[in-house]
């Protein structure tokens, strides 16, 4: 996400490095790089022009704070403007004073509207808001079945009357059913088309008039770039929407849609889809997104995701084991699986401030983890809980290598790295920073210990070298 625009922004910062202050002359090169970065990210031309003009005005009038370099000051100005163009602050989902809150989902076919409806239902369920999904897409083959399947997956009921019923009547009866059952929120999934047409718009208007929704959310594909903003504006002009959900944002390295929707359509982005899993929906925070675009990470979202997925009691037990150097292979597996439950490994890494990592490096790190898991899975329960056994028994390591499909030297390296990692984690837990970290997940090693699993005499980059 945003890899391309982040890399381009780096060129802008370089224009100001080594300068002692921001001036009219030296700021122009940096702003030119920012403008180029935005255009290449498929941000709307009008947005780019207005953004550049505001940036020029604010940068030239900025007083550089003592102890802050001009390039750092410029980054702060760009950050503020990025957050501003995306809406400044989070736009929360409506909640009616008298239940149910009704949410109408709209969008073209293929944008992930049905999946987004289920993702939103799961998000609301986590907030302890009971939810009902209503299936009104009677045109797309298996659309109703898809919503029912997703509803079963997340334990959210689906109201449907089959493909012969009128979509307006399905929506009306669905809302009435939710009201009778005391359900907090109704999400109405509507039909899409390959392109905007009069029939689709007329049906949406009729459904909207029949159920009087508190939210009308347009689901748009982030991969369409600035066209997502134009689409949002068109839908708003014709049916009146209250916000947008950007899907497939994890697959868009440019970021043009996120930067254009609010400015062009006037409607806020309320949620973003960042993966195919039904859990992969996040509330949209402009300031956090600005931080990600600038490669500054997103610690707040990372912490929130950890709070959702990590059991505090388990975390405390793990901390105790680390401090006492009793961390074993079972703990390692549990820890890596806990990380996976929070999302993709690469996505988590990119939320860390200052973590510069490309897709190839992420893939290699993920492969390293898979190799570790394969070898650990070939160990007996006793061996996983007592790693010292393996250090004393070549025959055990030989058996593990054969069972996992790797070489003896790979298992030997795994055990050696694990032992050193356990000692170093204990030192870090006591406030000491060890000079090197083991390479179990691609990390940096002291000189002479850079061998990679399954390969000889080939040095691979670790996390510490990214």
Foldseek 3Di string as FASTA:
>chain_A
DQQQLLVLLVVLLVLQPPPQAQALVSNVVSLVSNLVLLVVLQADPVLSVVLSVVLSVDLRPDDADPPHGSSRVSLVSNLCSQLVLQPVWADADDFDPQDAAEEEEDEAPPLCRLLVLLLVCLVVVVVVAAEEEEELALDDPCSLVVNCVSCVVSVHHYQYDHNVDHSLVSLLVRRVVCNVVVGHYYYYRYHHHNDDDPVRLVSLQSNCVRRVHPFYEYRGECQVALVSQVVLQVSCVRRNGQEYEYEPPLVRNSCRNSSHNCNRNVHHHQWYANDDDSNRIDGDTSSQVSCLSNLFARVPLLVVLCVVQPDPVLVVVQLVCLQVLQCFQVNVVVVVVSVVSSDQPVNSQSNHGPQDDDPVQSVLLVVLLVLSVLLLVQADPVCRRPVVVCVVDLVRLCSSCVRSVFDSVLSVLSSVLSSVQSVQSNCVSVVHHDPFHGCSRQGGDDPPSQDDTRDPPDGDHGSPRD
